[in-house]
Amino acid sequence: MSANSADLPARVEVVLVKAGRTKIRYTGELLADDGTRVALRAPWAGSGVRDFGFVRFEPGDVFTEYYWRDRWYAVKEVRSATGALKGWYCDVTRPARRSGPELVVEDLDLDLWRSADGTDVRRLDEDEFAESGLGASDPDAARAALAALDELESLARSGGFTSLLA
């Protein structure tokens, strides 16, 4: 199944769910859906600037986002309004579910950042993940989430995002 198929909507509404509640909804342009991986492009959906200290997301930034139905993460390539690559922001999630124009993704708190030049690879929000209680309420999901973070870190450190996102 490709984005050129007549039965696919040109726009996809991403619904990011966290702890059972919708955290954010935004619309993106569908680039491809091969039945396993969904790729879309969307402008920064946050309100105003979000400064993490190591990267700033701001109006005008463009995210090319990759979601999998069989992997426990999503990878987002982040570019400035001028097209300069900022890096990749990765969310550890349950596998994505798509129904028509809606793509539902459950955020599991863990994140990873890789700068454009590869010199900054950092695991994020491990404290939030520990506090979430997922390890007690769903140990299998917690193990899958931690394995996904390890896989993302390995890919980030080895330059593996190029082949993953090709």
N, C-alpha and C. Protein backbone atom coordinates (compact mmCIF):
# COMPACT_ATOMS: atom_id res chain seq x y z
N MET A 1 0.86 -1.16 0.00
CA MET A 1 0.00 0.00 0.00
C MET A 1 0.90 1.23 0.00
N SER A 2 0.70 2.14 -0.93
CA SER A 2 1.53 3.35 -0.98
C SER A 2 0.68 4.60 -0.86
N ALA A 3 1.34 5.71 -0.65
CA ALA A 3 0.62 6.97 -0.49
C ALA A 3 -0.05 7.39 -1.79
N ASN A 4 0.30 6.77 -2.90
CA ASN A 4 -0.31 7.11 -4.17
C ASN A 4 -1.62 6.36 -4.39
N SER A 5 -1.94 5.45 -3.51
CA SER A 5 -3.19 4.70 -3.64
C SER A 5 -4.38 5.63 -3.50
N ALA A 6 -5.37 5.43 -4.34
CA ALA A 6 -6.55 6.30 -4.34
C ALA A 6 -7.34 6.20 -3.04
N ASP A 7 -7.22 5.06 -2.32
CA ASP A 7 -8.03 4.89 -1.11
C ASP A 7 -7.39 5.51 0.14
N LEU A 8 -6.23 6.12 0.01
CA LEU A 8 -5.58 6.74 1.17
C LEU A 8 -5.86 8.23 1.21
N PRO A 9 -6.17 8.76 2.37
CA PRO A 9 -6.35 10.21 2.49
C PRO A 9 -5.00 10.90 2.36
N ALA A 10 -5.01 12.10 1.81
CA ALA A 10 -3.78 12.87 1.66
C ALA A 10 -3.34 13.44 3.01
N ARG A 11 -4.26 13.55 3.95
CA ARG A 11 -3.97 14.09 5.27
C ARG A 11 -4.22 12.99 6.31
N VAL A 12 -3.43 13.01 7.36
CA VAL A 12 -3.59 12.06 8.46
C VAL A 12 -3.64 12.85 9.75
N GLU A 13 -4.57 12.50 10.61
CA GLU A 13 -4.63 13.12 11.92
C GLU A 13 -3.91 12.21 12.91
N VAL A 14 -2.83 12.72 13.48
CA VAL A 14 -2.08 11.98 14.48
C VAL A 14 -2.70 12.26 15.84
N VAL A 15 -2.99 11.19 16.56
CA VAL A 15 -3.55 11.30 17.91
C VAL A 15 -2.54 10.67 18.85
N LEU A 16 -1.87 11.52 19.64
CA LEU A 16 -0.89 11.05 20.60
C LEU A 16 -1.57 10.90 21.95
N VAL A 17 -1.60 9.65 22.44
CA VAL A 17 -2.27 9.31 23.69
C VAL A 17 -1.20 9.03 24.74
N LYS A 18 -1.43 9.54 25.95
CA LYS A 18 -0.51 9.28 27.05
C LYS A 18 -1.34 9.03 28.30
N ALA A 19 -1.07 7.92 28.96
CA ALA A 19 -1.79 7.53 30.18
C ALA A 19 -3.30 7.52 29.96
N GLY A 20 -3.71 7.04 28.80
CA GLY A 20 -5.13 6.89 28.51
C GLY A 20 -5.86 8.14 28.05
N ARG A 21 -5.14 9.27 27.95
CA ARG A 21 -5.78 10.51 27.53
C ARG A 21 -5.06 11.09 26.32
N THR A 22 -5.82 11.77 25.47
CA THR A 22 -5.22 12.41 24.31
C THR A 22 -4.34 13.58 24.76
N LYS A 23 -3.07 13.51 24.41
CA LYS A 23 -2.11 14.55 24.76
C LYS A 23 -2.12 15.66 23.72
N ILE A 24 -2.16 15.26 22.43
CA ILE A 24 -2.18 16.23 21.34
C ILE A 24 -2.74 15.55 20.10
N ARG A 25 -3.38 16.37 19.27
CA ARG A 25 -3.86 15.95 17.94
C ARG A 25 -3.33 16.96 16.94
N TYR A 26 -2.87 16.47 15.82
CA TYR A 26 -2.43 17.38 14.76
C TYR A 26 -2.53 16.67 13.43
N THR A 27 -2.54 17.44 12.38
CA THR A 27 -2.71 16.90 11.03
C THR A 27 -1.39 16.98 10.27
N GLY A 28 -1.11 15.92 9.53
CA GLY A 28 0.08 15.87 8.70
C GLY A 28 -0.26 15.40 7.31
N GLU A 29 0.67 15.60 6.41
CA GLU A 29 0.54 15.16 5.02
C GLU A 29 1.08 13.74 4.91
N LEU A 30 0.25 12.81 4.45
CA LEU A 30 0.67 11.43 4.28
C LEU A 30 1.68 11.33 3.15
N LEU A 31 2.84 10.76 3.45
CA LEU A 31 3.87 10.55 2.43
C LEU A 31 3.86 9.12 1.92
N ALA A 32 3.64 8.16 2.83
CA ALA A 32 3.64 6.74 2.43
C ALA A 32 3.02 5.91 3.54
N ASP A 33 2.43 4.79 3.13
CA ASP A 33 1.95 3.78 4.06
C ASP A 33 2.06 2.45 3.35
N ASP A 34 3.07 1.67 3.73
CA ASP A 34 3.31 0.39 3.06
C ASP A 34 2.66 -0.79 3.79
N GLY A 35 1.81 -0.48 4.77
CA GLY A 35 1.16 -1.53 5.55
C GLY A 35 1.87 -1.82 6.85
N THR A 36 3.16 -1.47 6.93
CA THR A 36 3.94 -1.64 8.15
C THR A 36 4.38 -0.30 8.70
N ARG A 37 4.87 0.56 7.81
CA ARG A 37 5.37 1.87 8.23
C ARG A 37 4.54 2.98 7.59
N VAL A 38 4.21 3.97 8.41
CA VAL A 38 3.50 5.16 7.94
C VAL A 38 4.48 6.33 8.03
N ALA A 39 4.59 7.08 6.96
CA ALA A 39 5.43 8.28 6.95
C ALA A 39 4.56 9.48 6.64
N LEU A 40 4.80 10.56 7.39
CA LEU A 40 4.04 11.78 7.14
C LEU A 40 4.90 12.99 7.44
N ARG A 41 4.46 14.13 6.96
CA ARG A 41 5.15 15.39 7.22
C ARG A 41 4.17 16.35 7.88
N ALA A 42 4.64 17.02 8.93
CA ALA A 42 3.77 17.93 9.66
C ALA A 42 4.59 19.09 10.21
N PRO A 43 3.98 20.25 10.30
CA PRO A 43 4.66 21.36 10.96
C PRO A 43 4.68 21.13 12.47
N TRP A 44 5.58 21.81 13.17
CA TRP A 44 5.64 21.76 14.63
C TRP A 44 4.25 22.02 15.17
N ALA A 45 3.72 21.09 15.95
CA ALA A 45 2.33 21.16 16.42
C ALA A 45 2.21 21.79 17.80
N GLY A 46 3.31 22.10 18.42
CA GLY A 46 3.24 22.70 19.74
C GLY A 46 2.87 24.17 19.66
N SER A 47 2.53 24.73 20.81
CA SER A 47 2.23 26.15 20.83
C SER A 47 3.51 26.91 21.20
N GLY A 48 3.93 27.78 20.34
CA GLY A 48 5.13 28.56 20.59
C GLY A 48 6.40 27.75 20.50
N VAL A 49 7.41 28.19 21.25
CA VAL A 49 8.73 27.56 21.24
C VAL A 49 8.85 26.60 22.41
N ARG A 50 9.46 25.45 22.16
CA ARG A 50 9.79 24.51 23.25
C ARG A 50 11.30 24.33 23.23
N ASP A 51 11.94 24.86 24.24
CA ASP A 51 13.39 24.82 24.34
C ASP A 51 13.80 23.74 25.33
N PHE A 52 14.44 22.70 24.82
CA PHE A 52 14.88 21.59 25.67
C PHE A 52 16.29 21.83 26.23
N GLY A 53 16.93 22.88 25.77
CA GLY A 53 18.31 23.14 26.15
C GLY A 53 19.29 22.61 25.12
N PHE A 54 19.01 21.46 24.57
CA PHE A 54 19.87 20.87 23.55
C PHE A 54 19.29 21.04 22.15
N VAL A 55 18.01 21.41 22.05
CA VAL A 55 17.35 21.70 20.77
C VAL A 55 16.11 22.54 21.08
N ARG A 56 15.75 23.38 20.11
CA ARG A 56 14.53 24.18 20.21
C ARG A 56 13.58 23.77 19.09
N PHE A 57 12.34 23.47 19.46
CA PHE A 57 11.29 23.27 18.48
C PHE A 57 10.51 24.56 18.44
N GLU A 58 10.23 25.05 17.23
CA GLU A 58 9.58 26.34 17.12
C GLU A 58 8.71 26.42 15.88
N PRO A 59 7.79 27.38 15.86
CA PRO A 59 6.95 27.54 14.68
C PRO A 59 7.82 27.63 13.41
N GLY A 60 7.38 26.92 12.39
CA GLY A 60 8.13 26.87 11.14
C GLY A 60 8.93 25.58 11.00
N ASP A 61 9.24 24.92 12.12
CA ASP A 61 9.95 23.63 12.05
C ASP A 61 9.04 22.61 11.35
N VAL A 62 9.68 21.70 10.62
CA VAL A 62 8.95 20.66 9.90
C VAL A 62 9.46 19.30 10.37
N PHE A 63 8.50 18.45 10.71
CA PHE A 63 8.81 17.10 11.19
C PHE A 63 8.40 16.10 10.11
N THR A 64 9.34 15.24 9.70
CA THR A 64 9.00 14.09 8.87
C THR A 64 8.99 12.92 9.83
N GLU A 65 7.81 12.33 9.99
CA GLU A 65 7.58 11.37 11.06
C GLU A 65 7.36 9.97 10.50
N TYR A 66 7.95 8.99 11.18
CA TYR A 66 7.86 7.60 10.78
C TYR A 66 7.29 6.79 11.94
N TYR A 67 6.21 6.07 11.67
CA TYR A 67 5.53 5.24 12.66
C TYR A 67 5.45 3.82 12.12
N TRP A 68 5.58 2.85 13.01
CA TRP A 68 5.52 1.45 12.62
C TRP A 68 4.38 0.75 13.34
N ARG A 69 3.78 -0.20 12.63
CA ARG A 69 2.74 -1.03 13.23
C ARG A 69 3.34 -2.23 13.96
N ASP A 70 4.63 -2.47 13.77
CA ASP A 70 5.28 -3.63 14.37
C ASP A 70 6.50 -3.28 15.21
N ARG A 71 6.68 -2.00 15.51
CA ARG A 71 7.81 -1.57 16.35
C ARG A 71 7.28 -0.67 17.46
N TRP A 72 8.04 -0.60 18.53
CA TRP A 72 7.63 0.13 19.72
C TRP A 72 8.25 1.52 19.76
N TYR A 73 8.31 2.17 18.63
CA TYR A 73 8.83 3.54 18.59
C TYR A 73 8.40 4.26 17.32
N ALA A 74 8.61 5.58 17.37
CA ALA A 74 8.41 6.47 16.22
C ALA A 74 9.66 7.35 16.12
N VAL A 75 10.07 7.67 14.90
CA VAL A 75 11.24 8.50 14.68
C VAL A 75 10.79 9.72 13.88
N LYS A 76 11.22 10.90 14.37
CA LYS A 76 10.82 12.16 13.74
C LYS A 76 12.06 12.95 13.36
N GLU A 77 12.24 13.14 12.05
CA GLU A 77 13.32 13.98 11.56
C GLU A 77 12.87 15.43 11.67
N VAL A 78 13.67 16.27 12.30
CA VAL A 78 13.28 17.65 12.58
C VAL A 78 14.16 18.60 11.77
N ARG A 79 13.49 19.47 11.01
CA ARG A 79 14.18 20.49 10.22
C ARG A 79 13.64 21.87 10.56
N SER A 80 14.50 22.85 10.47
CA SER A 80 14.11 24.24 10.71
C SER A 80 13.28 24.74 9.53
N ALA A 81 12.73 25.93 9.68
CA ALA A 81 11.94 26.54 8.59
C ALA A 81 12.78 26.73 7.34
N THR A 82 14.10 26.85 7.48
CA THR A 82 14.99 27.02 6.32
C THR A 82 15.40 25.69 5.71
N GLY A 83 15.01 24.58 6.36
CA GLY A 83 15.34 23.25 5.85
C GLY A 83 16.57 22.64 6.48
N ALA A 84 17.24 23.35 7.38
CA ALA A 84 18.42 22.80 8.04
C ALA A 84 18.02 21.68 8.99
N LEU A 85 18.74 20.57 8.91
CA LEU A 85 18.46 19.44 9.78
C LEU A 85 18.89 19.76 11.21
N LYS A 86 17.95 19.64 12.15
CA LYS A 86 18.25 19.81 13.57
C LYS A 86 18.64 18.48 14.19
N GLY A 87 17.94 17.42 13.80
CA GLY A 87 18.22 16.09 14.34
C GLY A 87 16.99 15.22 14.30
N TRP A 88 17.02 14.18 15.14
CA TRP A 88 15.92 13.21 15.19
C TRP A 88 15.42 13.09 16.62
N TYR A 89 14.11 13.23 16.78
CA TYR A 89 13.47 13.04 18.08
C TYR A 89 12.69 11.73 17.98
N CYS A 90 12.94 10.83 18.92
CA CYS A 90 12.32 9.51 18.87
C CYS A 90 11.45 9.31 20.10
N ASP A 91 10.26 8.82 19.88
CA ASP A 91 9.32 8.50 20.95
C ASP A 91 9.22 6.99 21.07
N VAL A 92 9.31 6.48 22.29
CA VAL A 92 9.00 5.08 22.53
C VAL A 92 7.50 5.00 22.71
N THR A 93 6.86 4.16 21.91
CA THR A 93 5.40 4.07 21.86
C THR A 93 4.99 2.60 21.68
N ARG A 94 3.75 2.35 21.91
CA ARG A 94 3.21 1.06 21.45
C ARG A 94 3.14 1.13 19.93
N PRO A 95 3.09 -0.01 19.24
CA PRO A 95 2.95 0.04 17.78
C PRO A 95 1.73 0.90 17.37
N ALA A 96 1.92 1.67 16.31
CA ALA A 96 0.89 2.59 15.83
C ALA A 96 -0.31 1.83 15.27
N ARG A 97 -1.49 2.46 15.38
CA ARG A 97 -2.72 1.91 14.81
C ARG A 97 -3.32 2.96 13.88
N ARG A 98 -3.64 2.55 12.67
CA ARG A 98 -4.23 3.49 11.71
C ARG A 98 -5.59 3.00 11.28
N SER A 99 -6.54 3.92 11.30
CA SER A 99 -7.88 3.65 10.82
C SER A 99 -8.30 4.84 9.97
N GLY A 100 -8.33 4.65 8.67
CA GLY A 100 -8.67 5.75 7.76
C GLY A 100 -7.73 6.90 7.94
N PRO A 101 -8.27 8.09 8.20
CA PRO A 101 -7.42 9.27 8.31
C PRO A 101 -6.78 9.47 9.69
N GLU A 102 -6.99 8.53 10.62
CA GLU A 102 -6.50 8.72 11.98
C GLU A 102 -5.40 7.71 12.31
N LEU A 103 -4.30 8.22 12.87
CA LEU A 103 -3.18 7.39 13.32
C LEU A 103 -3.06 7.59 14.83
N VAL A 104 -3.28 6.52 15.59
CA VAL A 104 -3.25 6.60 17.05
C VAL A 104 -1.94 6.00 17.55
N VAL A 105 -1.26 6.78 18.39
CA VAL A 105 0.04 6.38 18.92
C VAL A 105 0.02 6.59 20.43
N GLU A 106 0.36 5.54 21.18
CA GLU A 106 0.40 5.63 22.64
C GLU A 106 1.83 5.86 23.12
N ASP A 107 2.07 7.03 23.67
CA ASP A 107 3.38 7.44 24.17
C ASP A 107 3.67 6.72 25.49
N LEU A 108 4.87 6.12 25.60
CA LEU A 108 5.25 5.40 26.81
C LEU A 108 6.33 6.14 27.60
N ASP A 109 6.42 7.43 27.44
CA ASP A 109 7.27 8.33 28.21
C ASP A 109 8.73 8.37 27.78
N LEU A 110 9.32 7.28 27.37
CA LEU A 110 10.74 7.27 27.01
C LEU A 110 10.95 7.95 25.66
N ASP A 111 12.04 8.73 25.56
CA ASP A 111 12.38 9.41 24.32
C ASP A 111 13.88 9.36 24.12
N LEU A 112 14.29 9.67 22.88
CA LEU A 112 15.70 9.73 22.56
C LEU A 112 15.91 10.87 21.57
N TRP A 113 17.00 11.59 21.72
CA TRP A 113 17.36 12.66 20.80
C TRP A 113 18.72 12.34 20.19
N ARG A 114 18.84 12.58 18.87
CA ARG A 114 20.12 12.51 18.17
C ARG A 114 20.28 13.79 17.37
N SER A 115 21.34 14.52 17.63
CA SER A 115 21.60 15.76 16.90
C SER A 115 21.96 15.46 15.45
N ALA A 116 21.85 16.47 14.61
CA ALA A 116 22.12 16.31 13.18
C ALA A 116 23.53 15.79 12.92
N ASP A 117 24.49 16.25 13.70
CA ASP A 117 25.88 15.82 13.48
C ASP A 117 26.22 14.53 14.22
N GLY A 118 25.30 13.99 15.00
CA GLY A 118 25.51 12.73 15.69
C GLY A 118 26.34 12.81 16.96
N THR A 119 26.77 14.01 17.34
CA THR A 119 27.61 14.13 18.53
C THR A 119 26.81 14.11 19.82
N ASP A 120 25.51 14.33 19.74
CA ASP A 120 24.66 14.37 20.92
C ASP A 120 23.56 13.32 20.79
N VAL A 121 23.71 12.23 21.52
CA VAL A 121 22.69 11.19 21.59
C VAL A 121 22.32 11.07 23.05
N ARG A 122 21.06 11.33 23.35
CA ARG A 122 20.66 11.30 24.77
C ARG A 122 19.31 10.63 24.97
N ARG A 123 19.26 9.82 26.01
CA ARG A 123 18.03 9.18 26.46
C ARG A 123 17.29 10.19 27.32
N LEU A 124 15.99 10.26 27.15
CA LEU A 124 15.18 11.27 27.84
C LEU A 124 14.03 10.61 28.61
N ASP A 125 13.66 11.25 29.69
CA ASP A 125 12.44 10.94 30.43
C ASP A 125 12.41 9.55 31.06
N GLU A 126 13.59 9.00 31.37
CA GLU A 126 13.61 7.70 32.04
C GLU A 126 12.97 7.79 33.43
N ASP A 127 13.07 8.96 34.07
CA ASP A 127 12.43 9.15 35.37
C ASP A 127 10.91 9.10 35.24
N GLU A 128 10.37 9.75 34.20
CA GLU A 128 8.92 9.70 33.97
C GLU A 128 8.45 8.28 33.72
N PHE A 129 9.24 7.53 32.96
CA PHE A 129 8.88 6.15 32.66
C PHE A 129 8.84 5.34 33.95
N ALA A 130 9.84 5.50 34.80
CA ALA A 130 9.87 4.76 36.07
C ALA A 130 8.67 5.12 36.93
N GLU A 131 8.28 6.39 36.94
CA GLU A 131 7.15 6.85 37.75
C GLU A 131 5.80 6.46 37.15
N SER A 132 5.77 6.08 35.88
CA SER A 132 4.50 5.78 35.21
C SER A 132 3.83 4.52 35.76
N GLY A 133 4.62 3.63 36.35
CA GLY A 133 4.06 2.39 36.88
C GLY A 133 3.85 1.31 35.84
N LEU A 134 4.30 1.53 34.61
CA LEU A 134 4.09 0.55 33.55
C LEU A 134 4.77 -0.78 33.89
N GLY A 135 5.92 -0.71 34.55
CA GLY A 135 6.63 -1.93 34.93
C GLY A 135 5.78 -2.86 35.79
N ALA A 136 4.93 -2.28 36.63
CA ALA A 136 4.05 -3.08 37.49
C ALA A 136 2.75 -3.43 36.79
N SER A 137 2.18 -2.47 36.06
CA SER A 137 0.86 -2.70 35.45
C SER A 137 0.93 -3.52 34.16
N ASP A 138 2.03 -3.42 33.42
CA ASP A 138 2.17 -4.16 32.16
C ASP A 138 3.65 -4.45 31.93
N PRO A 139 4.20 -5.44 32.66
CA PRO A 139 5.64 -5.72 32.58
C PRO A 139 6.13 -6.05 31.17
N ASP A 140 5.30 -6.73 30.37
CA ASP A 140 5.71 -7.05 29.01
C ASP A 140 5.89 -5.78 28.18
N ALA A 141 4.96 -4.85 28.32
CA ALA A 141 5.07 -3.57 27.60
C ALA A 141 6.28 -2.79 28.09
N ALA A 142 6.54 -2.82 29.38
CA ALA A 142 7.69 -2.10 29.93
C ALA A 142 8.99 -2.67 29.37
N ARG A 143 9.08 -3.99 29.29
CA ARG A 143 10.28 -4.62 28.70
C ARG A 143 10.43 -4.24 27.23
N ALA A 144 9.31 -4.25 26.50
CA ALA A 144 9.36 -3.88 25.08
C ALA A 144 9.78 -2.42 24.91
N ALA A 145 9.30 -1.56 25.80
CA ALA A 145 9.65 -0.13 25.73
C ALA A 145 11.14 0.07 25.98
N LEU A 146 11.68 -0.58 26.99
CA LEU A 146 13.11 -0.43 27.29
C LEU A 146 13.97 -1.01 26.18
N ALA A 147 13.54 -2.13 25.59
CA ALA A 147 14.27 -2.71 24.46
C ALA A 147 14.23 -1.76 23.26
N ALA A 148 13.10 -1.10 23.05
CA ALA A 148 12.98 -0.14 21.94
C ALA A 148 13.93 1.03 22.16
N LEU A 149 14.03 1.53 23.38
CA LEU A 149 14.95 2.63 23.66
C LEU A 149 16.39 2.20 23.41
N ASP A 150 16.75 1.00 23.82
CA ASP A 150 18.09 0.48 23.56
C ASP A 150 18.36 0.39 22.06
N GLU A 151 17.36 -0.10 21.31
CA GLU A 151 17.51 -0.22 19.85
C GLU A 151 17.70 1.16 19.21
N LEU A 152 16.89 2.12 19.63
CA LEU A 152 17.02 3.47 19.09
C LEU A 152 18.39 4.06 19.39
N GLU A 153 18.87 3.88 20.61
CA GLU A 153 20.18 4.41 20.96
C GLU A 153 21.27 3.77 20.11
N SER A 154 21.18 2.47 19.90
CA SER A 154 22.16 1.78 19.06
C SER A 154 22.13 2.32 17.63
N LEU A 155 20.93 2.48 17.08
CA LEU A 155 20.80 3.03 15.73
C LEU A 155 21.36 4.45 15.66
N ALA A 156 21.06 5.26 16.68
CA ALA A 156 21.52 6.65 16.70
C ALA A 156 23.04 6.73 16.75
N ARG A 157 23.65 5.89 17.55
CA ARG A 157 25.11 5.93 17.72
C ARG A 157 25.85 5.36 16.51
N SER A 158 25.20 4.45 15.78
CA SER A 158 25.86 3.83 14.63
C SER A 158 25.52 4.48 13.30
N GLY A 159 24.71 5.53 13.32
CA GLY A 159 24.29 6.16 12.08
C GLY A 159 23.22 5.38 11.35
N GLY A 160 22.52 4.50 12.07
CA GLY A 160 21.54 3.60 11.45
C GLY A 160 20.22 4.22 11.06
N PHE A 161 19.98 5.49 11.41
CA PHE A 161 18.71 6.10 11.03
C PHE A 161 18.58 6.22 9.50
N THR A 162 19.70 6.42 8.83
CA THR A 162 19.66 6.55 7.36
C THR A 162 19.01 5.34 6.72
N SER A 163 19.45 4.16 7.09
CA SER A 163 18.88 2.95 6.49
C SER A 163 17.49 2.66 7.04
N LEU A 164 17.25 2.95 8.31
CA LEU A 164 15.93 2.72 8.92
C LEU A 164 14.85 3.55 8.21
N LEU A 165 15.18 4.77 7.86
CA LEU A 165 14.18 5.69 7.31
C LEU A 165 14.17 5.73 5.79
N ALA A 166 15.05 4.99 5.15
CA ALA A 166 15.11 4.99 3.68
C ALA A 166 13.85 4.38 3.07
